[in-house]
Amino acid sequence: MRQTQWKVIARTGDSESGTTLRWEFDSQAEAQDMVERLLRAPSPGSWREHSTPE
């Protein structure tokens, strides 16, 4: 049985010295909740939404 997982990847800083955080979720709703929490983080402008083409 095939199971779909949703991944959220957040990166701070640049590609050489930054930090990458990763989460995996079993549902789109859980993944979207995490994205919304990141976008509402206390430091405005720290997070931006970025999606890859399907």
PDB file of N, CA and C in Angstrom:
ATOM      1  N   MET A   1       0.846  -1.189   0.000  1.00  0.00           N
ATOM      2  CA  MET A   1       0.000   0.000   0.000  1.00  0.00           C
ATOM      3  C   MET A   1       0.885   1.244   0.000  1.00  0.00           C
ATOM      4  N   ARG A   2       0.582   2.157  -0.870  1.00  0.00           N
ATOM      5  CA  ARG A   2       1.359   3.384  -0.988  1.00  0.00           C
ATOM      6  C   ARG A   2       0.818   4.442  -0.036  1.00  0.00           C
ATOM      7  N   GLN A   3       1.726   5.094   0.686  1.00  0.00           N
ATOM      8  CA  GLN A   3       1.320   6.135   1.627  1.00  0.00           C
ATOM      9  C   GLN A   3       1.974   7.456   1.224  1.00  0.00           C
ATOM     10  N   THR A   4       1.182   8.501   1.165  1.00  0.00           N
ATOM     11  CA  THR A   4       1.699   9.814   0.814  1.00  0.00           C
ATOM     12  C   THR A   4       2.180  10.519   2.069  1.00  0.00           C
ATOM     13  N   GLN A   5       3.360  11.117   1.991  1.00  0.00           N
ATOM     14  CA  GLN A   5       3.858  11.931   3.082  1.00  0.00           C
ATOM     15  C   GLN A   5       4.120  13.330   2.559  1.00  0.00           C
ATOM     16  N   TRP A   6       3.895  14.304   3.400  1.00  0.00           N
ATOM     17  CA  TRP A   6       4.111  15.700   3.072  1.00  0.00           C
ATOM     18  C   TRP A   6       5.353  16.162   3.809  1.00  0.00           C
ATOM     19  N   LYS A   7       6.223  16.873   3.117  1.00  0.00           N
ATOM     20  CA  LYS A   7       7.464  17.351   3.720  1.00  0.00           C
ATOM     21  C   LYS A   7       7.474  18.867   3.739  1.00  0.00           C
ATOM     22  N   VAL A   8       7.908  19.418   4.867  1.00  0.00           N
ATOM     23  CA  VAL A   8       8.097  20.858   5.007  1.00  0.00           C
ATOM     24  C   VAL A   8       9.574  21.060   5.301  1.00  0.00           C
ATOM     25  N   ILE A   9      10.202  21.925   4.513  1.00  0.00           N
ATOM     26  CA  ILE A   9      11.618  22.224   4.698  1.00  0.00           C
ATOM     27  C   ILE A   9      11.748  23.724   4.909  1.00  0.00           C
ATOM     28  N   ALA A  10      12.421  24.105   5.991  1.00  0.00           N
ATOM     29  CA  ALA A  10      12.636  25.518   6.295  1.00  0.00           C
ATOM     30  C   ALA A  10      14.135  25.754   6.408  1.00  0.00           C
ATOM     31  N   ARG A  11      14.600  26.819   5.784  1.00  0.00           N
ATOM     32  CA  ARG A  11      16.023  27.124   5.830  1.00  0.00           C
ATOM     33  C   ARG A  11      16.226  28.554   6.293  1.00  0.00           C
ATOM     34  N   THR A  12      17.181  28.744   7.193  1.00  0.00           N
ATOM     35  CA  THR A  12      17.560  30.085   7.629  1.00  0.00           C
ATOM     36  C   THR A  12      18.981  30.343   7.160  1.00  0.00           C
ATOM     37  N   GLY A  13      19.277  31.584   6.869  1.00  0.00           N
ATOM     38  CA  GLY A  13      20.616  31.940   6.427  1.00  0.00           C
ATOM     39  C   GLY A  13      20.843  31.571   4.975  1.00  0.00           C
ATOM     40  N   ASP A  14      22.109  31.660   4.565  1.00  0.00           N
ATOM     41  CA  ASP A  14      22.414  31.352   3.173  1.00  0.00           C
ATOM     42  C   ASP A  14      22.715  29.865   3.001  1.00  0.00           C
ATOM     43  N   SER A  15      22.989  29.472   1.778  1.00  0.00           N
ATOM     44  CA  SER A  15      23.156  28.044   1.479  1.00  0.00           C
ATOM     45  C   SER A  15      24.430  27.451   2.078  1.00  0.00           C
ATOM     46  N   GLU A  16      25.399  28.278   2.418  1.00  0.00           N
ATOM     47  CA  GLU A  16      26.647  27.751   2.972  1.00  0.00           C
ATOM     48  C   GLU A  16      26.678  27.741   4.493  1.00  0.00           C
ATOM     49  N   SER A  17      26.108  28.758   5.127  1.00  0.00           N
ATOM     50  CA  SER A  17      26.196  28.823   6.582  1.00  0.00           C
ATOM     51  C   SER A  17      24.843  28.727   7.274  1.00  0.00           C
ATOM     52  N   GLY A  18      23.799  28.496   6.503  1.00  0.00           N
ATOM     53  CA  GLY A  18      22.452  28.448   7.067  1.00  0.00           C
ATOM     54  C   GLY A  18      22.124  27.112   7.722  1.00  0.00           C
ATOM     55  N   THR A  19      20.957  27.065   8.318  1.00  0.00           N
ATOM     56  CA  THR A  19      20.453  25.862   8.973  1.00  0.00           C
ATOM     57  C   THR A  19      19.191  25.412   8.246  1.00  0.00           C
ATOM     58  N   THR A  20      19.069  24.113   8.031  1.00  0.00           N
ATOM     59  CA  THR A  20      17.889  23.563   7.389  1.00  0.00           C
ATOM     60  C   THR A  20      17.138  22.695   8.388  1.00  0.00           C
ATOM     61  N   LEU A  21      15.843  22.943   8.512  1.00  0.00           N
ATOM     62  CA  LEU A  21      14.967  22.152   9.379  1.00  0.00           C
ATOM     63  C   LEU A  21      13.999  21.399   8.486  1.00  0.00           C
ATOM     64  N   ARG A  22      13.700  20.151   8.833  1.00  0.00           N
ATOM     65  CA  ARG A  22      12.812  19.322   8.015  1.00  0.00           C
ATOM     66  C   ARG A  22      11.793  18.604   8.901  1.00  0.00           C
ATOM     67  N   TRP A  23      10.569  18.535   8.379  1.00  0.00           N
ATOM     68  CA  TRP A  23       9.504  17.809   9.049  1.00  0.00           C
ATOM     69  C   TRP A  23       8.780  16.958   8.027  1.00  0.00           C
ATOM     70  N   GLU A  24       8.231  15.829   8.455  1.00  0.00           N
ATOM     71  CA  GLU A  24       7.402  14.985   7.591  1.00  0.00           C
ATOM     72  C   GLU A  24       6.052  14.792   8.270  1.00  0.00           C
ATOM     73  N   PHE A  25       4.990  14.867   7.465  1.00  0.00           N
ATOM     74  CA  PHE A  25       3.634  14.756   7.984  1.00  0.00           C
ATOM     75  C   PHE A  25       2.847  13.745   7.166  1.00  0.00           C
ATOM     76  N   ASP A  26       1.867  13.147   7.801  1.00  0.00           N
ATOM     77  CA  ASP A  26       1.028  12.158   7.130  1.00  0.00           C
ATOM     78  C   ASP A  26      -0.137  12.790   6.375  1.00  0.00           C
ATOM     79  N   SER A  27      -0.411  14.070   6.642  1.00  0.00           N
ATOM     80  CA  SER A  27      -1.526  14.717   5.945  1.00  0.00           C
ATOM     81  C   SER A  27      -1.135  16.111   5.470  1.00  0.00           C
ATOM     82  N   GLN A  28      -1.817  16.554   4.425  1.00  0.00           N
ATOM     83  CA  GLN A  28      -1.580  17.884   3.898  1.00  0.00           C
ATOM     84  C   GLN A  28      -1.947  18.940   4.941  1.00  0.00           C
ATOM     85  N   ALA A  29      -3.006  18.700   5.691  1.00  0.00           N
ATOM     86  CA  ALA A  29      -3.463  19.671   6.691  1.00  0.00           C
ATOM     87  C   ALA A  29      -2.395  19.897   7.759  1.00  0.00           C
ATOM     88  N   GLU A  30      -1.753  18.825   8.220  1.00  0.00           N
ATOM     89  CA  GLU A  30      -0.689  18.961   9.230  1.00  0.00           C
ATOM     90  C   GLU A  30       0.493  19.742   8.662  1.00  0.00           C
ATOM     91  N   ALA A  31       0.873  19.454   7.420  1.00  0.00           N
ATOM     92  CA  ALA A  31       1.984  20.161   6.789  1.00  0.00           C
ATOM     93  C   ALA A  31       1.643  21.638   6.627  1.00  0.00           C
ATOM     94  N   GLN A  32       0.426  21.936   6.188  1.00  0.00           N
ATOM     95  CA  GLN A  32       0.004  23.320   6.007  1.00  0.00           C
ATOM     96  C   GLN A  32      -0.005  24.068   7.333  1.00  0.00           C
ATOM     97  N   ASP A  33      -0.416  23.394   8.409  1.00  0.00           N
ATOM     98  CA  ASP A  33      -0.379  24.018   9.736  1.00  0.00           C
ATOM     99  C   ASP A  33       1.040  24.439  10.099  1.00  0.00           C
ATOM    100  N   MET A  34       2.025  23.587   9.821  1.00  0.00           N
ATOM    101  CA  MET A  34       3.419  23.917  10.125  1.00  0.00           C
ATOM    102  C   MET A  34       3.881  25.108   9.300  1.00  0.00           C
ATOM    103  N   VAL A  35       3.544  25.128   8.015  1.00  0.00           N
ATOM    104  CA  VAL A  35       3.921  26.257   7.158  1.00  0.00           C
ATOM    105  C   VAL A  35       3.324  27.545   7.708  1.00  0.00           C
ATOM    106  N   GLU A  36       2.075  27.509   8.091  1.00  0.00           N
ATOM    107  CA  GLU A  36       1.424  28.706   8.628  1.00  0.00           C
ATOM    108  C   GLU A  36       2.075  29.150   9.933  1.00  0.00           C
ATOM    109  N   ARG A  37       2.468  28.206  10.791  1.00  0.00           N
ATOM    110  CA  ARG A  37       3.165  28.567  12.031  1.00  0.00           C
ATOM    111  C   ARG A  37       4.510  29.223  11.724  1.00  0.00           C
ATOM    112  N   LEU A  38       5.230  28.705  10.739  1.00  0.00           N
ATOM    113  CA  LEU A  38       6.518  29.303  10.380  1.00  0.00           C
ATOM    114  C   LEU A  38       6.339  30.716   9.841  1.00  0.00           C
ATOM    115  N   LEU A  39       5.311  30.910   9.017  1.00  0.00           N
ATOM    116  CA  LEU A  39       5.066  32.233   8.450  1.00  0.00           C
ATOM    117  C   LEU A  39       4.619  33.246   9.502  1.00  0.00           C
ATOM    118  N   ARG A  40       4.043  32.762  10.614  1.00  0.00           N
ATOM    119  CA  ARG A  40       3.619  33.652  11.698  1.00  0.00           C
ATOM    120  C   ARG A  40       4.681  33.766  12.792  1.00  0.00           C
ATOM    121  N   ALA A  41       5.865  33.267  12.561  1.00  0.00           N
ATOM    122  CA  ALA A  41       6.933  33.276  13.571  1.00  0.00           C
ATOM    123  C   ALA A  41       7.148  34.694  14.118  1.00  0.00           C
ATOM    124  N   PRO A  42       7.612  34.811  15.369  1.00  0.00           N
ATOM    125  CA  PRO A  42       7.773  36.107  16.027  1.00  0.00           C
ATOM    126  C   PRO A  42       8.669  37.100  15.289  1.00  0.00           C
ATOM    127  N   SER A  43       9.596  36.634  14.493  1.00  0.00           N
ATOM    128  CA  SER A  43      10.454  37.581  13.766  1.00  0.00           C
ATOM    129  C   SER A  43       9.924  37.766  12.348  1.00  0.00           C
ATOM    130  N   PRO A  44       9.136  38.811  12.127  1.00  0.00           N
ATOM    131  CA  PRO A  44       8.536  39.041  10.811  1.00  0.00           C
ATOM    132  C   PRO A  44       9.591  39.105   9.713  1.00  0.00           C
ATOM    133  N   GLY A  45       9.248  38.544   8.587  1.00  0.00           N
ATOM    134  CA  GLY A  45      10.155  38.572   7.455  1.00  0.00           C
ATOM    135  C   GLY A  45      11.176  37.453   7.454  1.00  0.00           C
ATOM    136  N   SER A  46      11.203  36.665   8.519  1.00  0.00           N
ATOM    137  CA  SER A  46      12.188  35.589   8.607  1.00  0.00           C
ATOM    138  C   SER A  46      11.848  34.433   7.675  1.00  0.00           C
ATOM    139  N   TRP A  47      10.564  34.163   7.504  1.00  0.00           N
ATOM    140  CA  TRP A  47      10.142  33.017   6.698  1.00  0.00           C
ATOM    141  C   TRP A  47       9.350  33.513   5.507  1.00  0.00           C
ATOM    142  N   ARG A  48       9.583  32.872   4.380  1.00  0.00           N
ATOM    143  CA  ARG A  48       8.812  33.165   3.177  1.00  0.00           C
ATOM    144  C   ARG A  48       8.369  31.845   2.582  1.00  0.00           C
ATOM    145  N   GLU A  49       7.229  31.850   1.957  1.00  0.00           N
ATOM    146  CA  GLU A  49       6.722  30.637   1.330  1.00  0.00           C
ATOM    147  C   GLU A  49       7.437  30.414  -0.004  1.00  0.00           C
ATOM    148  N   HIS A  50       7.845  29.179  -0.234  1.00  0.00           N
ATOM    149  CA  HIS A  50       8.499  28.798  -1.481  1.00  0.00           C
ATOM    150  C   HIS A  50       8.015  27.421  -1.838  1.00  0.00           C
ATOM    151  N   SER A  51       7.506  27.255  -3.029  1.00  0.00           N
ATOM    152  CA  SER A  51       7.052  25.923  -3.431  1.00  0.00           C
ATOM    153  C   SER A  51       7.781  25.538  -4.704  1.00  0.00           C
ATOM    154  N   THR A  52       7.906  24.242  -4.900  1.00  0.00           N
ATOM    155  CA  THR A  52       8.553  23.738  -6.100  1.00  0.00           C
ATOM    156  C   THR A  52       7.484  23.403  -7.125  1.00  0.00           C
ATOM    157  N   PRO A  53       7.791  23.557  -8.395  1.00  0.00           N
ATOM    158  CA  PRO A  53       6.799  23.218  -9.433  1.00  0.00           C
ATOM    159  C   PRO A  53       6.477  21.726  -9.408  1.00  0.00           C
ATOM    160  N   GLU A  54       5.250  21.413  -9.693  1.00  0.00           N
ATOM    161  CA  GLU A  54       4.838  20.001  -9.681  1.00  0.00           C
ATOM    162  C   GLU A  54       5.093  19.347 -11.002  1.00  0.00           C
TER     163      GLU A  54
END
